Protein backbone atom coordinates (compact mmCIF):
# COMPACT_ATOMS: atom_id res chain seq x y z
CA MET A 1 -11.19 -2.68 -8.92
CA LEU A 2 -10.81 -2.89 -5.15
CA TYR A 3 -12.56 -6.27 -5.18
CA LEU A 4 -10.18 -7.55 -7.83
CA PHE A 5 -7.18 -6.41 -5.78
CA ASN A 6 -8.58 -8.14 -2.70
CA GLU A 7 -9.05 -11.40 -4.61
CA LEU A 8 -5.49 -11.18 -5.92
CA LEU A 9 -4.25 -10.67 -2.36
CA GLU A 10 -6.16 -13.72 -1.15
CA LEU A 11 -4.80 -15.85 -4.01
CA ASN A 12 -1.26 -14.68 -3.28
CA THR A 13 -1.65 -15.50 0.40
CA PHE A 14 -3.02 -18.93 -0.49
CA PHE A 15 -0.01 -19.68 -2.68
CA LEU A 16 2.43 -18.56 -0.02
CA LYS A 17 0.84 -20.66 2.71
CA HIS A 18 -0.16 -23.80 0.83
CA MET A 19 1.83 -24.16 -2.38
CA PHE A 20 5.17 -22.85 -1.11
CA VAL A 21 4.56 -24.27 2.38
CA PHE A 22 5.23 -21.13 4.37
CA GLN A 23 3.98 -21.54 7.89
CA PRO A 24 1.39 -18.96 8.98
CA SER A 25 3.80 -17.87 11.70
CA HIS A 26 6.54 -17.15 9.14
CA ALA A 27 7.67 -13.52 9.03
CA LEU A 28 7.04 -13.24 5.29
CA SER A 29 3.37 -14.11 5.71
CA TRP A 30 2.89 -11.52 8.45
CA CYS A 31 4.83 -8.84 6.57
CA GLN A 32 2.79 -9.38 3.40
CA ILE A 33 -0.56 -9.14 5.15
CA LEU A 34 0.55 -6.14 7.22
CA LEU A 35 1.99 -4.28 4.24
CA LEU A 36 -1.05 -4.81 2.06
CA GLY A 37 -3.34 -3.83 4.92
CA ILE A 38 -1.42 -0.58 5.43
CA ILE A 39 -1.55 0.15 1.70
CA THR A 40 -5.27 -0.53 1.23
CA ALA A 41 -6.64 0.96 4.47
CA PRO A 42 -6.56 4.62 3.32
CA THR A 43 -8.23 3.68 0.03
CA VAL A 44 -11.08 1.85 1.74
CA ARG A 45 -11.52 4.71 4.20
CA ALA A 46 -11.63 7.29 1.39
CA ILE A 47 -14.14 5.30 -0.66
CA SER A 48 -16.38 4.78 2.38
CA PHE A 49 -16.22 8.48 3.26
CA LEU A 50 -17.10 9.55 -0.29
CA GLU A 51 -20.01 7.11 -0.43
CA ALA A 52 -21.32 8.43 2.89
CA LEU A 53 -21.12 12.02 1.60
CA ALA A 54 -22.98 11.07 -1.58
CA CYS A 55 -25.70 9.30 0.44
CA VAL A 56 -26.20 12.33 2.67
CA LYS A 57 -26.19 14.76 -0.26
CA PHE A 58 -28.65 12.90 -2.47
CA GLY A 59 -30.75 11.43 0.33
CA GLN A 60 -31.19 14.55 2.42
CA ASP A 61 -34.97 14.55 2.05
CA VAL A 62 -35.11 10.89 3.13
CA PHE A 63 -32.96 11.54 6.20
CA SER A 64 -35.12 14.49 7.23
CA LYS A 65 -38.26 12.28 7.25
CA THR A 66 -36.68 9.49 9.30
CA GLN A 67 -38.36 8.81 12.60
CA ALA A 68 -35.82 8.27 15.35
CA ARG A 69 -38.03 5.82 17.24
CA SER A 70 -38.47 3.54 14.20
CA ALA A 71 -34.75 3.61 13.43
CA PHE A 72 -33.91 2.75 17.04
CA LEU A 73 -36.38 -0.16 17.09
CA TRP A 74 -34.98 -1.48 13.81
CA LEU A 75 -31.42 -1.28 15.17
CA LEU A 76 -32.50 -3.04 18.36
CA CYS A 77 -34.14 -5.80 16.31
CA VAL A 78 -31.03 -6.28 14.17
CA LEU A 79 -28.78 -6.45 17.22
CA SER A 80 -31.02 -8.97 18.97
CA CYS A 81 -31.27 -11.18 15.86
CA THR A 82 -27.53 -11.17 15.24
CA SER A 83 -26.68 -11.87 18.86
CA ALA A 84 -29.13 -14.79 18.88
CA TRP A 85 -27.24 -16.45 16.01
CA VAL A 86 -23.83 -16.11 17.65
């Protein structure tokens, strides 16, 4: 449902900027994006928090077996690969 709302927001923004020829600097464009961001931010934060709690609850045995050294090396590898592409 959140994905559908996001797509509707993007379509609405597209129509405002390209079909109705509102400039990106127009106050209506900024107010729309700001308002929708303020409305959706708590929802995204709540969903992310609940997913994190579910992962910790149901994956507790996996987290207890995690080796810190391996996790750190994996994180270092990901950071180096992503910075190389930038």
